[in-house]
Amino acid sequence: MLFGRNTLLAAALFAGAAPVASAASDEATDGDAICAQAAYSMGLRYQQRSAEVAALQRQGFALATLRLERAIADHEEGANLAIITDLDETVLDNSVLLARDMQACHDYTTWDTWKHWEREGEPRLIPGAADFLEFADEQGVDIFYVSDRYQENEADTIASLEALELPQVSKDSVMLLGPPKAERRAKVVENHTLVMQLGDSLHDFSGEFADADLEGQRRLVEENAERFGDDWIVFPNAGYGDWSEAELDAWDAPLETE
């Protein structure tokens, strides 16, 4: 992202950003060179620190539990039910990595610090995730973790999930970056009845979203409105996404203060 210096200063002030706490931040916040990444602070504060996001996350998993109970009741024994969940910002909270990179004035959306995080980072669990996944496991529902984490770090991702004591973690159930997510989902469907998907990004649910621009994604959301909150459960992620460089609509009236 490229921002003008005044725009960046305003973004940092609006976000309530104190001088960024790192060795690199003295230069980044000296008034002469506000780094572009300061504009991320509002979204990251909301994602990591707000009680509202924690409430939304718990609400999402509570709804998922209700919908899974219904799906189980609607299928006969032997239906071989499965759910698919994304990992990052759906089950795993990686916001400390994003905050560290922002404080160093590094653009984390280039993802060039992500492999190091996968190997050595310690992600936190999203509130409500463990209880929901344990419920699915107890009900005999197969769980597939479909994520775009790097395949080369498969062992590290599996170790992270095991350290968090998540159920059904194995090389077969953890399906990482390689084939598109649509192909990995299709592989699950070959031998299972897929009853639910969970994610923070729309292409966690359908390949159509991955191939669409923002306007196309909004149209697809309308076309699939009945699925959201039913078998598609979306979680909030204000840290990154396809929307991050979208232009904002603004009121065209002159600014007046009283």
C-alpha atoms as a PDB file:
ATOM      1  CA  MET A   1       0.000   0.000   0.000  1.00  0.00           C
ATOM      2  CA  LEU A   2       1.156   3.501  -0.759  1.00  0.00           C
ATOM      3  CA  PHE A   3      -0.031   6.432   1.298  1.00  0.00           C
ATOM      4  CA  GLY A   4       0.742  10.148   1.434  1.00  0.00           C
ATOM      5  CA  ARG A   5       2.554  11.326   4.564  1.00  0.00           C
ATOM      6  CA  ASN A   6      -0.372  13.418   5.847  1.00  0.00           C
ATOM      7  CA  THR A   7      -2.803  10.565   5.227  1.00  0.00           C
ATOM      8  CA  LEU A   8      -0.575   8.218   7.206  1.00  0.00           C
ATOM      9  CA  LEU A   9      -0.268  10.625  10.100  1.00  0.00           C
ATOM     10  CA  ALA A  10      -4.031  11.023  10.204  1.00  0.00           C
ATOM     11  CA  ALA A  11      -4.525   7.256  10.073  1.00  0.00           C
ATOM     12  CA  ALA A  12      -2.139   6.730  12.945  1.00  0.00           C
ATOM     13  CA  LEU A  13      -3.781   9.411  15.069  1.00  0.00           C
ATOM     14  CA  PHE A  14      -7.306   8.193  14.266  1.00  0.00           C
ATOM     15  CA  ALA A  15      -6.289   4.674  15.292  1.00  0.00           C
ATOM     16  CA  GLY A  16      -5.081   6.005  18.628  1.00  0.00           C
ATOM     17  CA  ALA A  17      -1.597   4.809  17.761  1.00  0.00           C
ATOM     18  CA  ALA A  18       1.010   5.729  20.298  1.00  0.00           C
ATOM     19  CA  PRO A  19       4.609   5.812  19.049  1.00  0.00           C
ATOM     20  CA  VAL A  20       5.228   2.291  17.799  1.00  0.00           C
ATOM     21  CA  ALA A  21       7.089   0.207  20.358  1.00  0.00           C
ATOM     22  CA  SER A  22      10.197  -1.040  18.591  1.00  0.00           C
ATOM     23  CA  ALA A  23      13.732   0.075  17.833  1.00  0.00           C
ATOM     24  CA  ALA A  24      12.690   0.914  14.296  1.00  0.00           C
ATOM     25  CA  SER A  25       9.715   2.967  15.452  1.00  0.00           C
ATOM     26  CA  ASP A  26      11.629   6.073  16.554  1.00  0.00           C
ATOM     27  CA  GLU A  27      12.416   6.862  12.959  1.00  0.00           C
ATOM     28  CA  ALA A  28       9.013   5.640  11.750  1.00  0.00           C
ATOM     29  CA  THR A  29       7.086   8.044  14.004  1.00  0.00           C
ATOM     30  CA  ASP A  30       9.295  11.131  13.988  1.00  0.00           C
ATOM     31  CA  GLY A  31       6.725  13.145  12.008  1.00  0.00           C
ATOM     32  CA  ASP A  32       8.902  13.174   8.909  1.00  0.00           C
ATOM     33  CA  ALA A  33       8.526   9.544   7.880  1.00  0.00           C
ATOM     34  CA  ILE A  34       5.358   7.889   9.177  1.00  0.00           C
ATOM     35  CA  CYS A  35       5.534   4.363   7.805  1.00  0.00           C
ATOM     36  CA  ALA A  36       2.693   3.132   5.622  1.00  0.00           C
ATOM     37  CA  GLN A  37       2.061   0.189   7.914  1.00  0.00           C
ATOM     38  CA  ALA A  38       0.825   2.541  10.666  1.00  0.00           C
ATOM     39  CA  ALA A  39      -2.458   2.538   8.753  1.00  0.00           C
ATOM     40  CA  TYR A  40      -2.943  -1.107   9.776  1.00  0.00           C
ATOM     41  CA  SER A  41      -3.168  -0.256  13.471  1.00  0.00           C
ATOM     42  CA  MET A  42      -6.927   0.337  13.703  1.00  0.00           C
ATOM     43  CA  GLY A  43      -7.761  -3.011  12.106  1.00  0.00           C
ATOM     44  CA  LEU A  44      -5.209  -4.874  14.223  1.00  0.00           C
ATOM     45  CA  ARG A  45      -6.409  -3.249  17.441  1.00  0.00           C
ATOM     46  CA  TYR A  46      -9.940  -4.317  16.613  1.00  0.00           C
ATOM     47  CA  GLN A  47      -8.884  -7.843  15.650  1.00  0.00           C
ATOM     48  CA  GLN A  48      -6.592  -8.513  18.596  1.00  0.00           C
ATOM     49  CA  ARG A  49      -7.862  -6.401  21.475  1.00  0.00           C
ATOM     50  CA  SER A  50     -11.561  -5.697  21.049  1.00  0.00           C
ATOM     51  CA  ALA A  51     -14.078  -7.540  23.175  1.00  0.00           C
ATOM     52  CA  GLU A  52     -16.443  -7.289  20.212  1.00  0.00           C
ATOM     53  CA  VAL A  53     -14.299  -9.547  18.035  1.00  0.00           C
ATOM     54  CA  ALA A  54     -14.005 -12.090  20.846  1.00  0.00           C
ATOM     55  CA  ALA A  55     -17.791 -11.985  21.153  1.00  0.00           C
ATOM     56  CA  LEU A  56     -18.259 -12.424  17.397  1.00  0.00           C
ATOM     57  CA  GLN A  57     -15.874 -15.368  17.371  1.00  0.00           C
ATOM     58  CA  ARG A  58     -17.696 -17.097  20.219  1.00  0.00           C
ATOM     59  CA  GLN A  59     -20.995 -16.304  18.543  1.00  0.00           C
ATOM     60  CA  GLY A  60     -19.763 -17.883  15.323  1.00  0.00           C
ATOM     61  CA  PHE A  61     -18.805 -21.115  17.037  1.00  0.00           C
ATOM     62  CA  ALA A  62     -22.037 -21.182  19.052  1.00  0.00           C
ATOM     63  CA  LEU A  63     -23.983 -20.898  15.801  1.00  0.00           C
ATOM     64  CA  ALA A  64     -21.766 -23.549  14.192  1.00  0.00           C
ATOM     65  CA  THR A  65     -22.546 -25.918  17.073  1.00  0.00           C
ATOM     66  CA  LEU A  66     -26.292 -25.436  16.628  1.00  0.00           C
ATOM     67  CA  ARG A  67     -26.064 -25.950  12.873  1.00  0.00           C
ATOM     68  CA  LEU A  68     -23.909 -29.045  13.281  1.00  0.00           C
ATOM     69  CA  GLU A  69     -26.368 -30.533  15.764  1.00  0.00           C
ATOM     70  CA  ARG A  70     -29.112 -30.046  13.192  1.00  0.00           C
ATOM     71  CA  ALA A  71     -27.017 -31.525  10.388  1.00  0.00           C
ATOM     72  CA  ILE A  72     -26.283 -34.614  12.471  1.00  0.00           C
ATOM     73  CA  ALA A  73     -29.981 -35.031  13.228  1.00  0.00           C
ATOM     74  CA  ASP A  74     -30.843 -34.651   9.535  1.00  0.00           C
ATOM     75  CA  HIS A  75     -28.529 -37.482   8.413  1.00  0.00           C
ATOM     76  CA  GLU A  76     -28.753 -41.167   9.063  1.00  0.00           C
ATOM     77  CA  GLU A  77     -25.990 -43.136  10.733  1.00  0.00           C
ATOM     78  CA  GLY A  78     -23.233 -44.044   8.342  1.00  0.00           C
ATOM     79  CA  ALA A  79     -23.470 -40.781   6.375  1.00  0.00           C
ATOM     80  CA  ASN A  80     -19.767 -40.170   7.104  1.00  0.00           C
ATOM     81  CA  LEU A  81     -20.216 -36.509   7.967  1.00  0.00           C
ATOM     82  CA  ALA A  82     -17.347 -34.032   7.713  1.00  0.00           C
ATOM     83  CA  ILE A  83     -16.614 -30.389   8.348  1.00  0.00           C
ATOM     84  CA  ILE A  84     -13.867 -28.273   6.812  1.00  0.00           C
ATOM     85  CA  THR A  85     -12.281 -25.406   8.700  1.00  0.00           C
ATOM     86  CA  ASP A  86      -9.679 -22.875   7.715  1.00  0.00           C
ATOM     87  CA  LEU A  87      -6.898 -22.303  10.253  1.00  0.00           C
ATOM     88  CA  ASP A  88      -5.549 -18.756  10.298  1.00  0.00           C
ATOM     89  CA  GLU A  89      -7.911 -16.203  11.859  1.00  0.00           C
ATOM     90  CA  THR A  90     -10.578 -18.921  12.021  1.00  0.00           C
ATOM     91  CA  VAL A  91      -9.041 -21.383  14.492  1.00  0.00           C
ATOM     92  CA  LEU A  92      -5.639 -19.754  15.016  1.00  0.00           C
ATOM     93  CA  ASP A  93      -4.986 -16.160  16.081  1.00  0.00           C
ATOM     94  CA  ASN A  94      -1.809 -14.899  14.400  1.00  0.00           C
ATOM     95  CA  SER A  95      -2.242 -11.242  15.308  1.00  0.00           C
ATOM     96  CA  VAL A  96       0.972 -11.016  17.330  1.00  0.00           C
ATOM     97  CA  LEU A  97       2.961 -11.659  14.136  1.00  0.00           C
ATOM     98  CA  LEU A  98       1.033  -8.971  12.276  1.00  0.00           C
ATOM     99  CA  ALA A  99       1.507  -6.494  15.136  1.00  0.00           C
ATOM    100  CA  ARG A 100       5.246  -7.220  15.312  1.00  0.00           C
ATOM    101  CA  ASP A 101       5.628  -6.633  11.573  1.00  0.00           C
ATOM    102  CA  MET A 102       3.578  -3.428  11.673  1.00  0.00           C
ATOM    103  CA  GLN A 103       5.650  -2.075  14.549  1.00  0.00           C
ATOM    104  CA  ALA A 104       8.768  -2.733  12.479  1.00  0.00           C
ATOM    105  CA  CYS A 105       7.155  -0.863   9.550  1.00  0.00           C
ATOM    106  CA  HIS A 106       7.143  -4.074   7.545  1.00  0.00           C
ATOM    107  CA  ASP A 107       4.244  -4.880   5.222  1.00  0.00           C
ATOM    108  CA  TYR A 108       3.040  -8.244   6.478  1.00  0.00           C
ATOM    109  CA  THR A 109       0.771  -8.630   3.417  1.00  0.00           C
ATOM    110  CA  THR A 110       3.862  -9.604   1.420  1.00  0.00           C
ATOM    111  CA  TRP A 111       3.840 -12.779   3.598  1.00  0.00           C
ATOM    112  CA  ASP A 112       7.640 -12.969   3.628  1.00  0.00           C
ATOM    113  CA  THR A 113       7.713 -13.371   7.430  1.00  0.00           C
ATOM    114  CA  TRP A 114       5.044 -16.058   7.490  1.00  0.00           C
ATOM    115  CA  LYS A 115       7.272 -19.116   7.031  1.00  0.00           C
ATOM    116  CA  HIS A 116       9.356 -18.140  10.050  1.00  0.00           C
ATOM    117  CA  TRP A 117       6.126 -17.735  12.058  1.00  0.00           C
ATOM    118  CA  GLU A 118       4.860 -21.156  10.954  1.00  0.00           C
ATOM    119  CA  ARG A 119       8.082 -22.766  12.121  1.00  0.00           C
ATOM    120  CA  GLU A 120       8.656 -20.937  15.400  1.00  0.00           C
ATOM    121  CA  GLY A 121       5.590 -18.875  16.235  1.00  0.00           C
ATOM    122  CA  GLU A 122       3.066 -19.747  18.911  1.00  0.00           C
ATOM    123  CA  PRO A 123      -0.425 -18.874  17.637  1.00  0.00           C
ATOM    124  CA  ARG A 124      -3.283 -18.558  20.079  1.00  0.00           C
ATOM    125  CA  LEU A 125      -6.650 -20.244  19.745  1.00  0.00           C
ATOM    126  CA  ILE A 126      -9.614 -18.233  18.546  1.00  0.00           C
ATOM    127  CA  PRO A 127     -12.192 -18.113  21.382  1.00  0.00           C
ATOM    128  CA  GLY A 128     -14.699 -20.937  21.072  1.00  0.00           C
ATOM    129  CA  ALA A 129     -12.732 -22.942  18.510  1.00  0.00           C
ATOM    130  CA  ALA A 130     -11.558 -25.722  20.823  1.00  0.00           C
ATOM    131  CA  ASP A 131     -15.005 -26.377  22.299  1.00  0.00           C
ATOM    132  CA  PHE A 132     -16.631 -26.553  18.872  1.00  0.00           C
ATOM    133  CA  LEU A 133     -14.013 -28.872  17.396  1.00  0.00           C
ATOM    134  CA  GLU A 134     -14.156 -31.118  20.453  1.00  0.00           C
ATOM    135  CA  PHE A 135     -17.931 -31.290  20.049  1.00  0.00           C
ATOM    136  CA  ALA A 136     -17.583 -32.287  16.381  1.00  0.00           C
ATOM    137  CA  ASP A 137     -15.043 -34.942  17.329  1.00  0.00           C
ATOM    138  CA  GLU A 138     -17.258 -36.335  20.107  1.00  0.00           C
ATOM    139  CA  GLN A 139     -20.140 -36.619  17.629  1.00  0.00           C
ATOM    140  CA  GLY A 140     -18.042 -38.693  15.246  1.00  0.00           C
ATOM    141  CA  VAL A 141     -17.794 -35.960  12.603  1.00  0.00           C
ATOM    142  CA  ASP A 142     -14.552 -35.947  10.619  1.00  0.00           C
ATOM    143  CA  ILE A 143     -12.601 -32.675  10.753  1.00  0.00           C
ATOM    144  CA  PHE A 144     -10.414 -31.398   7.933  1.00  0.00           C
ATOM    145  CA  TYR A 145      -8.113 -28.431   8.411  1.00  0.00           C
ATOM    146  CA  VAL A 146      -7.795 -26.853   4.956  1.00  0.00           C
ATOM    147  CA  SER A 147      -5.308 -23.994   5.056  1.00  0.00           C
ATOM    148  CA  ASP A 148      -2.957 -22.082   2.784  1.00  0.00           C
ATOM    149  CA  ARG A 149      -0.105 -22.478   5.212  1.00  0.00           C
ATOM    150  CA  TYR A 150       3.025 -23.704   3.445  1.00  0.00           C
ATOM    151  CA  GLN A 151       3.297 -27.414   2.728  1.00  0.00           C
ATOM    152  CA  GLU A 152       7.017 -27.304   3.489  1.00  0.00           C
ATOM    153  CA  ASN A 153       6.104 -26.421   7.084  1.00  0.00           C
ATOM    154  CA  GLU A 154       3.516 -29.174   7.423  1.00  0.00           C
ATOM    155  CA  ALA A 155       5.283 -30.794  10.382  1.00  0.00           C
ATOM    156  CA  ASP A 156       5.459 -27.449  12.200  1.00  0.00           C
ATOM    157  CA  THR A 157       1.789 -26.656  11.592  1.00  0.00           C
ATOM    158  CA  ILE A 158       0.767 -30.112  12.809  1.00  0.00           C
ATOM    159  CA  ALA A 159       2.972 -29.636  15.892  1.00  0.00           C
ATOM    160  CA  SER A 160       1.291 -26.275  16.600  1.00  0.00           C
ATOM    161  CA  LEU A 161      -2.182 -27.812  16.329  1.00  0.00           C
ATOM    162  CA  GLU A 162      -1.185 -30.717  18.553  1.00  0.00           C
ATOM    163  CA  ALA A 163       0.299 -28.331  21.137  1.00  0.00           C
ATOM    164  CA  LEU A 164      -3.093 -26.604  21.231  1.00  0.00           C
ATOM    165  CA  GLU A 165      -4.692 -30.046  21.785  1.00  0.00           C
ATOM    166  CA  LEU A 166      -7.011 -29.847  18.792  1.00  0.00           C
ATOM    167  CA  PRO A 167      -8.688 -33.100  17.719  1.00  0.00           C
ATOM    168  CA  GLN A 168      -8.121 -35.238  14.627  1.00  0.00           C
ATOM    169  CA  VAL A 169      -4.797 -33.649  13.669  1.00  0.00           C
ATOM    170  CA  SER A 170      -2.860 -35.757  11.164  1.00  0.00           C
ATOM    171  CA  LYS A 171      -1.180 -35.594   7.767  1.00  0.00           C
ATOM    172  CA  ASP A 172      -4.434 -36.753   6.208  1.00  0.00           C
ATOM    173  CA  SER A 173      -6.636 -34.166   7.913  1.00  0.00           C
ATOM    174  CA  VAL A 174      -4.312 -31.156   7.609  1.00  0.00           C
ATOM    175  CA  MET A 175      -4.434 -30.107   3.951  1.00  0.00           C
ATOM    176  CA  LEU A 176      -2.037 -27.275   3.171  1.00  0.00           C
ATOM    177  CA  LEU A 177      -1.043 -25.056   0.259  1.00  0.00           C
ATOM    178  CA  GLY A 178      -0.553 -26.874  -3.030  1.00  0.00           C
ATOM    179  CA  PRO A 179      -3.709 -27.567  -5.031  1.00  0.00           C
ATOM    180  CA  PRO A 180      -6.298 -24.748  -4.814  1.00  0.00           C
ATOM    181  CA  LYS A 181      -8.642 -24.962  -1.856  1.00  0.00           C
ATOM    182  CA  ALA A 182     -11.474 -25.953  -4.196  1.00  0.00           C
ATOM    183  CA  GLU A 183      -9.549 -29.084  -5.169  1.00  0.00           C
ATOM    184  CA  ARG A 184      -8.775 -29.943  -1.563  1.00  0.00           C
ATOM    185  CA  ARG A 185     -12.438 -29.518  -0.651  1.00  0.00           C
ATOM    186  CA  ALA A 186     -13.389 -31.777  -3.566  1.00  0.00           C
ATOM    187  CA  LYS A 187     -11.064 -34.452  -2.209  1.00  0.00           C
ATOM    188  CA  VAL A 188     -12.918 -34.375   1.124  1.00  0.00           C
ATOM    189  CA  VAL A 189     -16.271 -34.657  -0.637  1.00  0.00           C
ATOM    190  CA  GLU A 190     -15.148 -37.793  -2.505  1.00  0.00           C
ATOM    191  CA  ASN A 191     -15.625 -39.899   0.637  1.00  0.00           C
ATOM    192  CA  HIS A 192     -17.638 -37.713   2.995  1.00  0.00           C
ATOM    193  CA  THR A 193     -20.881 -35.805   3.312  1.00  0.00           C
ATOM    194  CA  LEU A 194     -19.664 -32.264   3.824  1.00  0.00           C
ATOM    195  CA  VAL A 195     -22.083 -30.463   6.152  1.00  0.00           C
ATOM    196  CA  MET A 196     -20.190 -27.333   7.186  1.00  0.00           C
ATOM    197  CA  GLN A 197     -17.326 -25.027   6.282  1.00  0.00           C
ATOM    198  CA  LEU A 198     -15.751 -22.382   8.492  1.00  0.00           C
ATOM    199  CA  GLY A 199     -13.427 -19.567   7.454  1.00  0.00           C
ATOM    200  CA  ASP A 200     -12.542 -15.885   7.604  1.00  0.00           C
ATOM    201  CA  SER A 201     -12.184 -15.377   3.840  1.00  0.00           C
ATOM    202  CA  LEU A 202     -14.832 -16.050   1.218  1.00  0.00           C
ATOM    203  CA  HIS A 203     -12.604 -18.330  -0.829  1.00  0.00           C
ATOM    204  CA  ASP A 204     -12.561 -20.619   2.211  1.00  0.00           C
ATOM    205  CA  PHE A 205     -16.044 -21.605   1.030  1.00  0.00           C
ATOM    206  CA  SER A 206     -16.046 -21.675  -2.779  1.00  0.00           C
ATOM    207  CA  GLY A 207     -13.583 -21.327  -5.618  1.00  0.00           C
ATOM    208  CA  GLU A 208     -15.963 -18.836  -7.231  1.00  0.00           C
ATOM    209  CA  PHE A 209     -14.942 -16.247  -4.658  1.00  0.00           C
ATOM    210  CA  ALA A 210     -11.241 -16.800  -5.359  1.00  0.00           C
ATOM    211  CA  ASP A 211     -11.759 -16.017  -9.043  1.00  0.00           C
ATOM    212  CA  ALA A 212     -13.889 -12.897  -8.487  1.00  0.00           C
ATOM    213  CA  ASP A 213     -13.015  -9.247  -7.882  1.00  0.00           C
ATOM    214  CA  LEU A 214     -14.557  -7.402  -4.944  1.00  0.00           C
ATOM    215  CA  GLU A 215     -17.735  -6.489  -6.787  1.00  0.00           C
ATOM    216  CA  GLY A 216     -18.062 -10.074  -7.979  1.00  0.00           C
ATOM    217  CA  GLN A 217     -17.578 -11.316  -4.432  1.00  0.00           C
ATOM    218  CA  ARG A 218     -20.316  -9.017  -3.151  1.00  0.00           C
ATOM    219  CA  ARG A 219     -22.628 -10.313  -5.871  1.00  0.00           C
ATOM    220  CA  LEU A 220     -21.794 -13.910  -4.968  1.00  0.00           C
ATOM    221  CA  VAL A 221     -22.554 -13.190  -1.314  1.00  0.00           C
ATOM    222  CA  GLU A 222     -26.050 -12.086  -2.334  1.00  0.00           C
ATOM    223  CA  GLU A 223     -26.492 -15.155  -4.532  1.00  0.00           C
ATOM    224  CA  ASN A 224     -25.457 -17.457  -1.677  1.00  0.00           C
ATOM    225  CA  ALA A 225     -27.144 -15.499   1.122  1.00  0.00           C
ATOM    226  CA  GLU A 226     -29.006 -18.540   2.468  1.00  0.00           C
ATOM    227  CA  ARG A 227     -25.777 -20.418   3.150  1.00  0.00           C
ATOM    228  CA  PHE A 228     -24.172 -17.886   5.476  1.00  0.00           C
ATOM    229  CA  GLY A 229     -25.005 -18.796   9.054  1.00  0.00           C
ATOM    230  CA  ASP A 230     -26.185 -22.199   7.865  1.00  0.00           C
ATOM    231  CA  ASP A 231     -23.444 -24.417   6.445  1.00  0.00           C
ATOM    232  CA  TRP A 232     -21.016 -21.514   5.819  1.00  0.00           C
ATOM    233  CA  ILE A 233     -19.826 -19.826   9.027  1.00  0.00           C
ATOM    234  CA  VAL A 234     -17.705 -16.682   8.563  1.00  0.00           C
ATOM    235  CA  PHE A 235     -15.368 -15.234  11.209  1.00  0.00           C
ATOM    236  CA  PRO A 236     -14.155 -11.622  11.446  1.00  0.00           C
ATOM    237  CA  ASN A 237     -10.685 -10.695  10.215  1.00  0.00           C
ATOM    238  CA  ALA A 238      -9.824  -7.000  10.157  1.00  0.00           C
ATOM    239  CA  GLY A 239      -6.108  -7.670   9.674  1.00  0.00           C
ATOM    240  CA  TYR A 240      -5.934  -8.576   5.993  1.00  0.00           C
ATOM    241  CA  GLY A 241      -8.071  -9.606   3.049  1.00  0.00           C
ATOM    242  CA  ASP A 242      -8.938  -8.947  -0.568  1.00  0.00           C
ATOM    243  CA  TRP A 243     -10.653  -5.735   0.562  1.00  0.00           C
ATOM    244  CA  SER A 244      -7.522  -4.150   2.055  1.00  0.00           C
ATOM    245  CA  GLU A 245      -6.866  -1.734  -0.817  1.00  0.00           C
ATOM    246  CA  ALA A 246     -10.488  -1.021  -1.746  1.00  0.00           C
ATOM    247  CA  GLU A 247     -11.498   2.603  -2.178  1.00  0.00           C
ATOM    248  CA  LEU A 248     -13.904   3.934   0.423  1.00  0.00           C
ATOM    249  CA  ASP A 249     -17.217   5.604  -0.319  1.00  0.00           C
ATOM    250  CA  ALA A 250     -17.373   8.975   1.408  1.00  0.00           C
ATOM    251  CA  TRP A 251     -20.100  11.539   2.014  1.00  0.00           C
ATOM    252  CA  ASP A 252     -19.641  14.307  -0.539  1.00  0.00           C
ATOM    253  CA  ALA A 253     -20.771  17.147   1.745  1.00  0.00           C
ATOM    254  CA  PRO A 254     -18.091  19.648   2.841  1.00  0.00           C
ATOM    255  CA  LEU A 255     -16.661  18.870   6.265  1.00  0.00           C
ATOM    256  CA  GLU A 256     -18.185  21.060   8.950  1.00  0.00           C
ATOM    257  CA  THR A 257     -17.552  20.976  12.661  1.00  0.00           C
ATOM    258  CA  GLU A 258     -19.620  22.494  15.498  1.00  0.00           C
END
